[in-house]
């Protein structure tokens, strides 16, 4: 349509000029006068001009917009960016706790001030002011520091929540390392049974047997004290001094725990009479001279 109106526009101008100069040329279409030629072809010029304006304007505007878009560089489309700071640190599991202090080989303090006593093991004493530092106690404490100090640990409960001192009783893990078991395996701790918290006691006992056979840790360094403090096995039960009626259990030549005695009094008698050095670790971590305090006997 644009071309048609442009052609009509120029033809009308040409016809107007010719008609004014020689109007007789248009005698066949009944407009022989200059006035009629001017009216007719002037009208055609106006109509063609309007037609051009109508047809050109809608098409030129998109062309101009397109040309402007081509001239202006396209800005890169950016993805939405969060205003939150990027945290490159690994996520902290909600059930882990930071170890803020290692008290000794089997006790730690976690964030919040809670103290945790390892279940199922016992390490040589280092912090009891009433007693000297025991053989391999410092080494056990240092090993515990190596395993857990400043690290986040996962805690597993057995049956009891706390001991008589308010310490949490727990199995402790650093990643895939079972800390309680690792200390026994490497000869830094004894397997020590405190019912009813005995879920992994068989593992501790087996690990202790292997460590003892291989003279690892305290089993090699403290062999003299452990041997001299353990009474020799007897073929017949020995009666207690003073005729109290208690007998030395058969485990005295290996490793006794509280379950090997008939009563707390029996265990206390054995400790006082035959195991003052606490070789069998019947006196717990508190080392107060009282044995099997958390064990419930039927009599």
Protein backbone atom coordinates (compact mmCIF):
# COMPACT_ATOMS: atom_id res chain seq x y z
CA UNK A 1 0.00 0.00 0.00
CA UNK A 2 2.81 2.38 0.72
CA UNK A 3 4.19 2.00 -2.83
CA UNK A 4 0.76 2.58 -4.34
CA UNK A 5 0.22 5.86 -2.53
CA UNK A 6 3.73 7.06 -3.33
CA UNK A 7 3.19 6.35 -7.02
CA UNK A 8 -0.22 8.01 -6.91
CA UNK A 9 1.32 11.05 -5.22
CA UNK A 10 3.95 11.59 -7.90
CA UNK A 11 1.57 10.84 -10.77
CA UNK A 12 -0.95 13.32 -9.36
CA UNK A 13 1.69 16.04 -9.18
CA UNK A 14 2.77 15.30 -12.74
CA UNK A 15 -0.83 15.29 -13.97
CA UNK A 16 -1.54 18.53 -12.11
CA UNK A 17 1.39 20.27 -13.81
CA UNK A 18 0.41 18.97 -17.24
CA UNK A 19 -3.25 19.85 -16.68
CA UNK A 20 -2.42 23.41 -15.70
CA UNK A 21 -0.15 23.88 -18.71
CA UNK A 22 -2.44 22.20 -21.22
CA UNK A 23 -5.88 21.29 -19.76
CA UNK A 24 -7.15 20.25 -23.17
CA UNK A 25 -5.32 16.93 -22.80
CA UNK A 26 -7.94 15.90 -20.21
CA UNK A 27 -10.98 16.75 -22.36
CA UNK A 28 -11.87 13.06 -22.58
CA UNK A 29 -12.42 12.82 -18.81
CA UNK A 30 -14.52 15.93 -18.73
CA UNK A 31 -12.06 18.23 -16.83
CA UNK A 32 -10.73 20.56 -19.55
CA UNK A 33 -10.33 23.62 -17.33
CA UNK A 34 -7.36 24.41 -15.12
CA UNK A 35 -9.68 24.81 -12.15
CA UNK A 36 -11.12 21.34 -12.54
CA UNK A 37 -7.65 19.89 -13.10
CA UNK A 38 -6.42 21.57 -9.93
CA UNK A 39 -9.38 20.29 -7.91
CA UNK A 40 -9.15 16.73 -9.18
CA UNK A 41 -5.41 16.21 -9.08
CA UNK A 42 -4.96 18.37 -6.00
CA UNK A 43 -7.42 16.09 -4.25
CA UNK A 44 -5.52 13.05 -5.48
CA UNK A 45 -2.29 14.53 -4.16
CA UNK A 46 -3.90 15.10 -0.76
CA UNK A 47 -5.38 11.61 -0.67
CA UNK A 48 -2.07 10.03 -1.67
CA UNK A 49 -0.19 12.07 0.93
CA UNK A 50 -2.60 10.96 3.65
CA UNK A 51 -2.33 7.37 2.43
CA UNK A 52 1.44 7.54 2.59
CA UNK A 53 1.30 8.94 6.10
CA UNK A 54 -1.09 6.22 7.26
CA UNK A 55 0.89 3.37 5.78
CA UNK A 56 4.41 4.60 6.49
CA UNK A 57 4.07 5.64 10.15
CA UNK A 58 3.12 2.24 11.62
CA UNK A 59 5.94 0.49 9.77
CA UNK A 60 8.68 3.03 10.35
CA UNK A 61 8.22 3.14 14.11
CA UNK A 62 8.99 -0.57 14.69
CA UNK A 63 11.92 -0.23 12.28
CA UNK A 64 13.29 2.66 14.32
CA UNK A 65 12.83 0.71 17.56
CA UNK A 66 14.51 -2.30 16.02
CA UNK A 67 17.37 -0.14 14.79
CA UNK A 68 17.80 1.36 18.27
CA UNK A 69 17.82 -2.11 19.81
CA UNK A 70 20.51 -3.17 17.36
CA UNK A 71 22.65 -0.14 18.13
CA UNK A 72 22.39 -0.55 21.92
CA UNK A 73 24.38 -3.48 23.38
CA UNK A 74 22.25 -6.08 25.08
CA UNK A 75 22.86 -6.21 28.81
CA UNK A 76 23.61 -9.72 30.11
CA UNK A 77 20.79 -11.33 32.03
CA UNK A 78 21.93 -11.97 35.57
CA UNK A 79 20.43 -14.58 37.79
CA UNK A 80 18.98 -13.50 41.13
CA UNK A 81 21.68 -13.14 43.76
CA UNK A 82 20.90 -13.74 47.39
CA UNK A 83 21.83 -11.01 49.83
CA UNK A 84 22.84 -13.66 52.34
CA UNK A 85 26.62 -14.16 52.81
CA UNK A 86 28.04 -17.32 51.32
CA UNK A 87 29.11 -19.77 53.98
CA UNK A 88 31.93 -21.99 52.79
CA UNK A 89 32.17 -23.82 56.10
CA UNK A 90 30.72 -27.35 56.31
CA UNK A 91 27.37 -27.66 57.98
CA UNK A 92 27.57 -28.57 61.66
CA UNK A 93 25.42 -31.51 62.65
CA UNK A 94 22.89 -30.60 65.29
CA UNK A 95 23.81 -33.57 67.52
CA UNK A 96 27.53 -32.82 67.83
CA UNK A 97 29.25 -30.87 70.58
CA UNK A 98 32.52 -28.97 70.77
CA UNK A 99 35.08 -30.31 73.24
CA UNK A 100 36.36 -27.31 75.18
CA UNK A 101 38.55 -29.17 77.67
CA UNK A 102 40.06 -32.62 78.18
CA UNK A 103 40.09 -33.35 81.90
CA UNK A 104 41.88 -36.70 81.80
CA UNK A 105 41.98 -39.88 79.76
CA UNK A 106 38.30 -40.71 80.13
CA UNK A 107 36.58 -37.41 80.96
CA UNK A 108 35.98 -34.29 78.87
CA UNK A 109 34.08 -31.03 79.09
CA UNK A 110 31.87 -29.93 76.20
CA UNK A 111 30.37 -26.57 75.26
CA UNK A 112 27.84 -25.42 77.82
CA UNK A 113 30.00 -26.60 80.72
CA UNK A 114 28.77 -30.21 80.77
CA UNK A 115 31.29 -32.89 81.74
CA UNK A 116 31.20 -36.24 79.96
CA UNK A 117 32.50 -39.51 81.41
CA UNK A 118 33.33 -42.20 78.84
CA UNK A 119 31.29 -45.37 79.36
CA UNK A 120 32.89 -48.80 79.63
CA UNK A 121 36.51 -47.78 80.10
CA UNK A 122 38.81 -46.48 82.78
CA UNK A 123 42.18 -44.77 82.38
CA UNK A 124 44.99 -44.36 84.94
CA UNK A 125 44.39 -41.50 87.37
CA UNK A 126 46.02 -38.09 86.89
CA UNK A 127 43.77 -35.48 88.53
CA UNK A 128 42.73 -36.93 91.91
CA UNK A 129 44.50 -34.75 94.52
CA UNK A 130 44.32 -37.58 97.06
CA UNK A 131 46.36 -39.97 94.93
CA UNK A 132 49.60 -39.84 92.94
CA UNK A 133 49.54 -39.83 89.17
CA UNK A 134 49.25 -43.45 88.07
CA UNK A 135 51.39 -45.21 85.50
CA UNK A 136 50.51 -44.16 81.94
CA UNK A 137 47.97 -41.64 83.20
CA UNK A 138 49.63 -38.68 81.50
CA UNK A 139 49.98 -40.61 78.25
CA UNK A 140 46.30 -41.55 78.35
CA UNK A 141 45.29 -37.92 78.91
CA UNK A 142 47.50 -36.78 76.04
CA UNK A 143 46.04 -39.42 73.74
CA UNK A 144 42.53 -38.32 74.64
CA UNK A 145 43.50 -34.73 73.80
CA UNK A 146 44.86 -35.87 70.47
CA UNK A 147 41.59 -37.62 69.66
CA UNK A 148 39.02 -35.04 70.78
CA UNK A 149 40.46 -31.70 71.92
CA UNK A 150 38.92 -28.78 70.03
CA UNK A 151 36.86 -31.14 67.88
CA UNK A 152 33.15 -31.75 67.58
CA UNK A 153 32.03 -35.08 69.01
CA UNK A 154 28.88 -37.13 68.75
CA UNK A 155 27.55 -38.57 72.01
CA UNK A 156 25.64 -41.83 72.41
CA UNK A 157 23.72 -42.67 75.56
CA UNK A 158 23.37 -46.21 76.90
CA UNK A 159 20.99 -46.62 79.85
CA UNK A 160 22.12 -44.17 82.52
CA UNK A 161 21.96 -40.42 81.95
CA UNK A 162 24.56 -39.30 84.51
CA UNK A 163 26.79 -40.70 87.24
CA UNK A 164 26.70 -39.75 90.91
CA UNK A 165 28.78 -36.65 90.16
CA UNK A 166 26.39 -35.31 87.54
CA UNK A 167 28.63 -36.16 84.60
CA UNK A 168 26.98 -37.35 81.41
CA UNK A 169 27.67 -41.03 80.74
CA UNK A 170 28.27 -41.41 77.03
CA UNK A 171 29.99 -43.25 74.21
CA UNK A 172 31.98 -40.65 72.26
CA UNK A 173 32.66 -40.46 68.52
CA UNK A 174 34.80 -38.17 66.37
CA UNK A 175 33.69 -38.80 62.82
CA UNK A 176 33.91 -42.58 62.39
CA UNK A 177 36.30 -43.04 65.32
CA UNK A 178 34.78 -44.67 68.42
CA UNK A 179 36.94 -42.90 71.01
CA UNK A 180 36.15 -45.20 73.97
CA UNK A 181 37.14 -48.26 71.97
CA UNK A 182 40.18 -46.60 70.39
CA UNK A 183 41.68 -45.83 73.80
CA UNK A 184 41.35 -49.48 74.84
CA UNK A 185 42.67 -50.77 71.51
CA UNK A 186 45.85 -48.73 71.78
CA UNK A 187 46.47 -49.61 75.41
CA UNK A 188 45.59 -46.26 76.98
CA UNK A 189 42.54 -47.51 78.90
CA UNK A 190 41.17 -50.56 80.66
CA UNK A 191 37.84 -52.13 79.78
CA UNK A 192 35.67 -51.46 82.81
CA UNK A 193 32.11 -52.73 83.17
CA UNK A 194 29.55 -50.60 84.99
CA UNK A 195 26.11 -52.21 84.61
CA UNK A 196 23.59 -51.42 83.28
CA UNK A 197 25.66 -49.46 80.72
CA UNK A 198 27.24 -52.44 78.97
CA UNK A 199 26.10 -52.11 75.34
CA UNK A 200 29.62 -52.37 73.87
CA UNK A 201 31.35 -54.13 76.76
CA UNK A 202 32.23 -57.22 74.73
CA UNK A 203 34.04 -55.02 72.20
CA UNK A 204 36.01 -53.32 74.97
CA UNK A 205 36.92 -56.66 76.56
CA UNK A 206 38.10 -58.12 73.25
CA UNK A 207 40.12 -55.00 72.46
CA UNK A 208 41.76 -55.12 75.89
CA UNK A 209 42.70 -58.78 75.43
CA UNK A 210 44.44 -58.01 72.13
CA UNK A 211 46.19 -54.92 73.51
CA UNK A 212 47.39 -56.92 76.51
CA UNK A 213 48.70 -59.75 74.31
CA UNK A 214 50.60 -57.23 72.18
CA UNK A 215 51.89 -55.27 75.20
CA UNK A 216 50.44 -52.05 73.89
CA UNK A 217 50.53 -48.87 75.94
CA UNK A 218 50.09 -49.41 79.65
CA UNK A 219 50.22 -53.19 79.24
CA UNK A 220 53.85 -52.91 78.25
CA UNK A 221 54.89 -49.86 80.25
CA UNK A 222 53.12 -50.72 83.50
CA UNK A 223 53.44 -54.49 83.39
CA UNK A 224 55.39 -54.72 86.64
CA UNK A 225 52.79 -52.92 88.74
CA UNK A 226 49.88 -54.82 87.22
CA UNK A 227 51.57 -58.16 87.72
CA UNK A 228 52.63 -57.63 91.31
CA UNK A 229 49.24 -56.30 92.38
CA UNK A 230 47.32 -59.29 90.99
CA UNK A 231 47.19 -62.31 93.32
CA UNK A 232 48.11 -65.71 91.98
CA UNK A 233 45.21 -68.04 91.18
CA UNK A 234 44.37 -70.70 93.73
CA UNK A 235 42.92 -74.15 93.26
CA UNK A 236 40.51 -73.76 96.16
CA UNK A 237 38.60 -70.67 97.25
CA UNK A 238 40.50 -68.61 99.81
CA UNK A 239 38.59 -67.53 102.85
CA UNK A 240 38.75 -63.96 103.93
CA UNK A 241 40.79 -62.83 106.91
CA UNK A 242 38.83 -63.02 110.10
CA UNK A 243 36.46 -65.66 108.77
CA UNK A 244 34.11 -63.32 106.94
CA UNK A 245 33.20 -66.10 104.51
CA UNK A 246 34.09 -64.34 101.24
CA UNK A 247 36.19 -66.16 98.68
CA UNK A 248 38.56 -64.90 96.02
CA UNK A 249 36.82 -65.21 92.63
CA UNK A 250 38.48 -67.10 89.79
CA UNK A 251 38.72 -63.89 87.75
CA UNK A 252 41.37 -62.57 90.13
CA UNK A 253 44.08 -63.99 87.87
CA UNK A 254 42.70 -62.22 84.79
CA UNK A 255 40.34 -59.28 85.06
CA UNK A 256 37.41 -58.94 87.46
CA UNK A 257 34.47 -56.63 87.13
CA UNK A 258 31.60 -55.88 89.49
CA UNK A 259 29.44 -58.63 88.03
CA UNK A 260 31.88 -61.28 89.28
CA UNK A 261 30.94 -60.66 92.93
CA UNK A 262 27.91 -61.75 94.93
CA UNK A 263 27.44 -58.40 96.62
CA UNK A 264 28.92 -54.98 96.98
CA UNK A 265 30.39 -56.05 100.32
CA UNK A 266 32.08 -59.00 98.60
CA UNK A 267 33.59 -56.69 95.98
CA UNK A 268 34.71 -54.22 98.67
CA UNK A 269 36.34 -57.03 100.66
CA UNK A 270 38.25 -58.22 97.58
CA UNK A 271 39.39 -54.67 96.80
CA UNK A 272 40.56 -53.98 100.37
CA UNK A 273 42.25 -57.34 100.85
CA UNK A 274 43.70 -58.23 97.45
CA UNK A 275 43.54 -55.26 95.09
CA UNK A 276 44.53 -52.06 96.93
CA UNK A 277 46.16 -50.76 93.74
CA UNK A 278 42.81 -51.03 91.93
CA UNK A 279 44.25 -53.23 89.20
CA UNK A 280 40.79 -54.56 88.40
CA UNK A 281 39.39 -51.00 88.40
CA UNK A 282 36.51 -51.83 90.73
CA UNK A 283 36.92 -48.37 92.19
CA UNK A 284 35.61 -46.11 89.42
CA UNK A 285 37.06 -42.94 88.04
CA UNK A 286 36.42 -41.05 91.27
CA UNK A 287 39.04 -43.24 93.04
CA UNK A 288 37.37 -42.75 96.42
CA UNK A 289 38.10 -46.27 97.71
CA UNK A 290 34.48 -47.39 97.34
CA UNK A 291 33.87 -50.02 94.68
CA UNK A 292 30.95 -50.92 92.41
CA UNK A 293 28.93 -47.93 93.57
CA UNK A 294 26.59 -47.96 90.59
CA UNK A 295 26.04 -51.74 90.50
CA UNK A 296 22.75 -53.10 91.81
CA UNK A 297 23.06 -56.46 93.55
CA UNK A 298 20.16 -58.71 94.47
CA UNK A 299 21.40 -59.05 98.02
